[in-house]
Amino acid sequence: MRAMGRIFEVRKHAMFARWNRMAKQFTRIAKDIAIAVRAGGPDPGANPVLRRALQNARAVNMPKDKTDAAIRRASGKEAANYLEILYEGYGPHGVALLVETATDNPTRTVGSLRNIFMKGGGNLGNTGSVSFQFRKMGVFRLDPAMVKSQDDLELDLIDYGLEEMGESTGEKGEPQLVIRCAFNDFGKLQEALETRAIAPLSAEHEYICAVPVELPETQAAEVLALIDKLEQDEDVQKVFHTLA
């Protein structure tokens, strides 16, 4: 009976973790939608940034009624005005961190992040203190089944800014084709994929570190614990790091 109770608790904890992760993803994308609508309007056909946000919403199975509601809210007079701010710092053992936020209260955000960094054995730095270790790139994740020939696609997209192409796996273990470009070429590559009727599973930017840091398992766990705390903050959109 006790064993069954433990199994139930483990399953319940896993279920809550999945729900929390899903809720965080939906919140992040709702903010992306709000920022896109305020910048380029509520029509996805005329707003490539909004199209990209809606693609990413579908990638995490965000219901259509939620994305529609996010667009309506962002179009209203009382819509929140989110500022996108990038914070920089170091975690334990010299691992560099970039923290992307979307906030309507920068004072709250910086205070919260400083506290998380301090408790996690790191420190919040100044602008430029670690960003030089990263390169901002556009990243598209594709379903390989939508691509007839990867070699032909690679050759075709080089003229549109493609720099890297390789295979990966998604969160559920499904195969993905990952292509990267310089961030300045993001729109050009997005348009090239749309012209070829290839709808990405997701289309986002990422900060790719130049030199990953190798750490022993116990030290890496300390860094990952700090990253997890940062990702749970309500204003944080994404966290990038140099941990290998």
Protein backbone atom coordinates (compact mmCIF):
# COMPACT_ATOMS: atom_id res chain seq x y z
CA MET A 1 0.00 0.00 0.00
CA ARG A 2 2.86 2.35 0.87
CA ALA A 3 4.55 1.56 -2.45
CA MET A 4 1.36 2.47 -4.32
CA GLY A 5 1.20 5.73 -2.39
CA ARG A 6 4.75 6.61 -3.39
CA ILE A 7 4.02 5.83 -7.04
CA PHE A 8 0.92 8.05 -6.88
CA GLU A 9 2.96 10.92 -5.40
CA VAL A 10 5.65 10.59 -8.06
CA ARG A 11 3.06 10.60 -10.83
CA LYS A 12 1.25 13.57 -9.28
CA HIS A 13 4.51 15.52 -9.03
CA ALA A 14 5.32 14.75 -12.68
CA MET A 15 1.83 15.84 -13.74
CA PHE A 16 2.11 19.14 -11.86
CA ALA A 17 5.56 19.73 -13.38
CA ARG A 18 4.14 19.21 -16.89
CA TRP A 19 1.24 21.57 -16.21
CA ASN A 20 3.57 24.22 -14.77
CA ARG A 21 5.86 23.94 -17.79
CA MET A 22 2.89 24.21 -20.16
CA ALA A 23 1.47 27.22 -18.29
CA LYS A 24 4.86 28.95 -18.49
CA GLN A 25 5.10 28.27 -22.23
CA PHE A 26 1.61 29.67 -22.80
CA THR A 27 2.43 32.81 -20.78
CA ARG A 28 5.68 33.33 -22.70
CA ILE A 29 3.98 33.00 -26.07
CA ALA A 30 1.05 35.22 -25.03
CA LYS A 31 3.62 37.95 -24.31
CA ASP A 32 5.29 37.32 -27.68
CA ILE A 33 1.89 37.71 -29.34
CA ALA A 34 1.21 40.93 -27.43
CA ILE A 35 4.56 42.42 -28.43
CA ALA A 36 4.07 41.37 -32.06
CA VAL A 37 0.55 42.85 -32.26
CA ARG A 38 1.60 46.18 -30.76
CA ALA A 39 4.52 46.39 -33.20
CA GLY A 40 2.84 45.23 -36.41
CA GLY A 41 -0.92 44.88 -35.94
CA PRO A 42 -3.31 41.94 -35.33
CA ASP A 43 -3.35 40.51 -38.88
CA PRO A 44 -0.94 37.55 -39.18
CA GLY A 45 -1.01 37.88 -42.97
CA ALA A 46 0.57 41.31 -42.74
CA ASN A 47 2.67 40.73 -39.63
CA PRO A 48 5.47 38.13 -40.02
CA VAL A 49 6.46 38.46 -36.34
CA LEU A 50 2.91 37.55 -35.30
CA ARG A 51 2.89 34.63 -37.76
CA ARG A 52 6.05 33.39 -36.11
CA ALA A 53 4.53 33.68 -32.63
CA LEU A 54 1.44 31.75 -33.74
CA GLN A 55 3.64 29.01 -35.23
CA ASN A 56 5.41 28.70 -31.91
CA ALA A 57 2.04 28.58 -30.14
CA ARG A 58 1.02 25.61 -32.27
CA ALA A 59 4.35 23.93 -31.55
CA VAL A 60 3.48 23.78 -27.82
CA ASN A 61 -0.19 22.92 -28.46
CA MET A 62 -1.49 26.25 -27.22
CA PRO A 63 -5.27 26.22 -27.92
CA LYS A 64 -6.51 28.56 -30.64
CA ASP A 65 -8.98 30.23 -28.29
CA LYS A 66 -6.04 31.28 -26.11
CA THR A 67 -4.05 32.71 -29.01
CA ASP A 68 -7.15 34.53 -30.29
CA ALA A 69 -7.74 35.94 -26.80
CA ALA A 70 -4.11 37.09 -26.61
CA ILE A 71 -4.49 38.93 -29.93
CA ARG A 72 -7.72 40.60 -28.76
CA ARG A 73 -6.12 41.70 -25.48
CA ALA A 74 -3.09 43.10 -27.28
CA SER A 75 -5.36 45.02 -29.64
CA GLY A 76 -7.30 46.70 -26.82
CA LYS A 77 -6.71 50.08 -25.26
CA GLU A 78 -5.82 48.50 -21.90
CA ALA A 79 -3.17 46.18 -23.34
CA ALA A 80 0.00 45.80 -21.29
CA ASN A 81 3.03 47.52 -22.75
CA TYR A 82 5.79 44.94 -22.37
CA LEU A 83 9.42 45.98 -22.61
CA GLU A 84 11.90 43.41 -23.87
CA ILE A 85 15.04 43.65 -21.74
CA LEU A 86 18.11 41.41 -21.84
CA TYR A 87 19.93 40.88 -18.54
CA GLU A 88 23.42 39.44 -18.21
CA GLY A 89 25.22 37.69 -15.40
CA TYR A 90 27.25 34.78 -14.17
CA GLY A 91 26.06 31.63 -12.48
CA PRO A 92 28.14 29.37 -10.25
CA HIS A 93 31.54 28.20 -11.57
CA GLY A 94 31.84 30.97 -14.15
CA VAL A 95 28.94 29.98 -16.41
CA ALA A 96 27.67 33.00 -18.37
CA LEU A 97 23.91 33.60 -18.51
CA LEU A 98 21.70 35.75 -20.71
CA VAL A 99 18.16 36.26 -19.41
CA GLU A 100 15.51 37.53 -21.81
CA THR A 101 12.54 39.23 -20.18
CA ALA A 102 9.27 40.82 -21.25
CA THR A 103 8.10 43.08 -18.45
CA ASP A 104 5.73 45.92 -17.68
CA ASN A 105 7.73 46.76 -14.54
CA PRO A 106 11.54 46.74 -15.01
CA THR A 107 12.14 47.73 -11.37
CA ARG A 108 10.32 44.61 -10.18
CA THR A 109 12.12 42.45 -12.73
CA VAL A 110 15.67 43.55 -11.97
CA GLY A 111 15.08 43.21 -8.23
CA SER A 112 13.71 39.70 -8.63
CA LEU A 113 16.53 38.58 -10.92
CA ARG A 114 19.22 40.03 -8.66
CA ASN A 115 17.76 38.08 -5.74
CA ILE A 116 17.61 34.83 -7.74
CA PHE A 117 21.20 35.22 -8.95
CA MET A 118 22.45 35.95 -5.43
CA LYS A 119 20.66 32.99 -3.83
CA GLY A 120 21.84 30.72 -6.65
CA GLY A 121 25.51 31.49 -6.15
CA GLY A 122 25.80 33.89 -9.10
CA ASN A 123 25.67 37.59 -9.73
CA LEU A 124 23.79 39.92 -12.06
CA GLY A 125 26.20 41.82 -14.30
CA ASN A 126 26.21 44.97 -16.39
CA THR A 127 25.20 45.28 -20.03
CA GLY A 128 27.94 43.77 -22.19
CA SER A 129 29.52 41.77 -19.37
CA VAL A 130 28.77 38.36 -20.94
CA SER A 131 26.89 38.98 -24.21
CA PHE A 132 30.16 39.02 -26.17
CA GLN A 133 30.32 35.26 -25.54
CA PHE A 134 27.13 34.67 -27.54
CA ARG A 135 25.91 35.16 -31.09
CA LYS A 136 22.24 35.94 -31.76
CA MET A 137 20.91 33.64 -34.48
CA GLY A 138 17.59 32.79 -36.09
CA VAL A 139 16.62 29.17 -35.48
CA PHE A 140 13.96 27.24 -37.39
CA ARG A 141 12.89 23.73 -36.43
CA LEU A 142 11.29 21.70 -39.23
CA ASP A 143 9.49 18.39 -39.53
CA PRO A 144 11.86 16.27 -41.70
CA ALA A 145 8.81 14.69 -43.34
CA MET A 146 8.05 18.05 -44.98
CA VAL A 147 11.45 18.14 -46.70
CA LYS A 148 11.90 16.03 -49.83
CA SER A 149 15.67 16.41 -49.97
CA GLN A 150 17.71 17.94 -47.16
CA ASP A 151 20.71 18.41 -49.45
CA ASP A 152 18.66 20.29 -52.04
CA LEU A 153 17.01 22.43 -49.36
CA GLU A 154 20.38 23.30 -47.84
CA LEU A 155 21.79 24.41 -51.20
CA ASP A 156 18.59 26.32 -51.96
CA LEU A 157 18.53 28.25 -48.67
CA ILE A 158 22.19 29.32 -48.64
CA ASP A 159 21.24 32.32 -50.82
CA TYR A 160 18.75 33.34 -48.10
CA GLY A 161 21.21 33.34 -45.23
CA LEU A 162 21.35 29.69 -44.12
CA GLU A 163 24.52 29.06 -42.11
CA GLU A 164 23.93 25.78 -40.27
CA MET A 165 21.69 22.77 -40.81
CA GLY A 166 21.49 19.58 -38.79
CA GLU A 167 19.27 16.98 -37.16
CA SER A 168 18.02 17.08 -33.60
CA THR A 169 15.19 15.76 -31.43
CA GLY A 170 12.29 17.61 -29.83
CA GLU A 171 11.13 17.48 -26.22
CA LYS A 172 9.11 14.32 -26.93
CA GLY A 173 11.95 12.63 -28.80
CA GLU A 174 10.57 13.37 -32.26
CA PRO A 175 13.09 13.99 -35.07
CA GLN A 176 13.60 17.60 -36.13
CA LEU A 177 15.62 19.40 -38.75
CA VAL A 178 17.28 22.51 -37.28
CA ILE A 179 18.46 25.36 -39.48
CA ARG A 180 20.21 28.53 -38.31
CA CYS A 181 21.01 31.88 -39.83
CA ALA A 182 22.40 35.22 -38.72
CA PHE A 183 19.59 37.08 -36.96
CA ASN A 184 19.69 39.84 -39.59
CA ASP A 185 18.69 37.22 -42.17
CA PHE A 186 15.79 35.88 -40.09
CA GLY A 187 13.00 37.50 -42.13
CA LYS A 188 14.59 36.55 -45.43
CA LEU A 189 14.89 32.89 -44.44
CA GLN A 190 11.38 32.83 -42.97
CA GLU A 191 9.99 34.16 -46.25
CA ALA A 192 11.98 31.58 -48.24
CA LEU A 193 10.47 28.75 -46.19
CA GLU A 194 6.95 30.16 -46.56
CA THR A 195 7.42 30.45 -50.34
CA ARG A 196 8.32 26.75 -50.40
CA ALA A 197 5.24 25.85 -48.31
CA ILE A 198 7.41 24.64 -45.42
CA ALA A 199 5.77 25.58 -42.13
CA PRO A 200 8.34 25.42 -39.32
CA LEU A 201 7.49 23.64 -36.10
CA SER A 202 8.96 26.70 -34.41
CA ALA A 203 10.80 29.83 -35.49
CA GLU A 204 12.69 31.76 -32.83
CA HIS A 205 15.97 33.47 -32.10
CA GLU A 206 18.57 31.96 -29.82
CA TYR A 207 21.84 33.14 -28.35
CA ILE A 208 24.46 30.54 -29.29
CA CYS A 209 27.56 30.49 -27.10
CA ALA A 210 30.97 30.40 -28.75
CA VAL A 211 32.82 28.32 -26.12
CA PRO A 212 30.72 25.97 -23.94
CA VAL A 213 31.89 25.36 -20.36
CA GLU A 214 32.40 21.75 -19.25
CA LEU A 215 31.63 21.09 -15.57
CA PRO A 216 31.47 18.02 -13.32
CA GLU A 217 27.95 16.73 -12.73
CA THR A 218 27.58 18.18 -9.24
CA GLN A 219 28.68 21.66 -10.33
CA ALA A 220 26.52 21.51 -13.46
CA ALA A 221 23.54 20.67 -11.23
CA GLU A 222 24.08 23.90 -9.28
CA VAL A 223 24.02 25.92 -12.50
CA LEU A 224 20.91 24.13 -13.76
CA ALA A 225 19.16 24.81 -10.44
CA LEU A 226 19.79 28.54 -10.90
CA ILE A 227 18.56 28.40 -14.51
CA ASP A 228 15.40 26.63 -13.36
CA LYS A 229 14.70 29.35 -10.78
CA LEU A 230 15.23 32.06 -13.38
CA GLU A 231 12.90 30.35 -15.85
CA GLN A 232 10.16 30.23 -13.22
CA ASP A 233 10.15 34.01 -12.80
CA GLU A 234 6.99 35.55 -14.27
CA ASP A 235 8.91 38.12 -16.35
CA VAL A 236 11.49 35.74 -17.83
CA GLN A 237 10.97 34.55 -21.39
CA LYS A 238 14.15 32.52 -22.02
CA VAL A 239 17.51 31.80 -20.44
CA PHE A 240 20.65 31.13 -22.48
CA HIS A 241 23.91 29.87 -21.00
CA THR A 242 27.40 28.62 -21.77
CA LEU A 243 27.06 25.33 -19.89
CA ALA A 244 27.94 22.43 -22.19
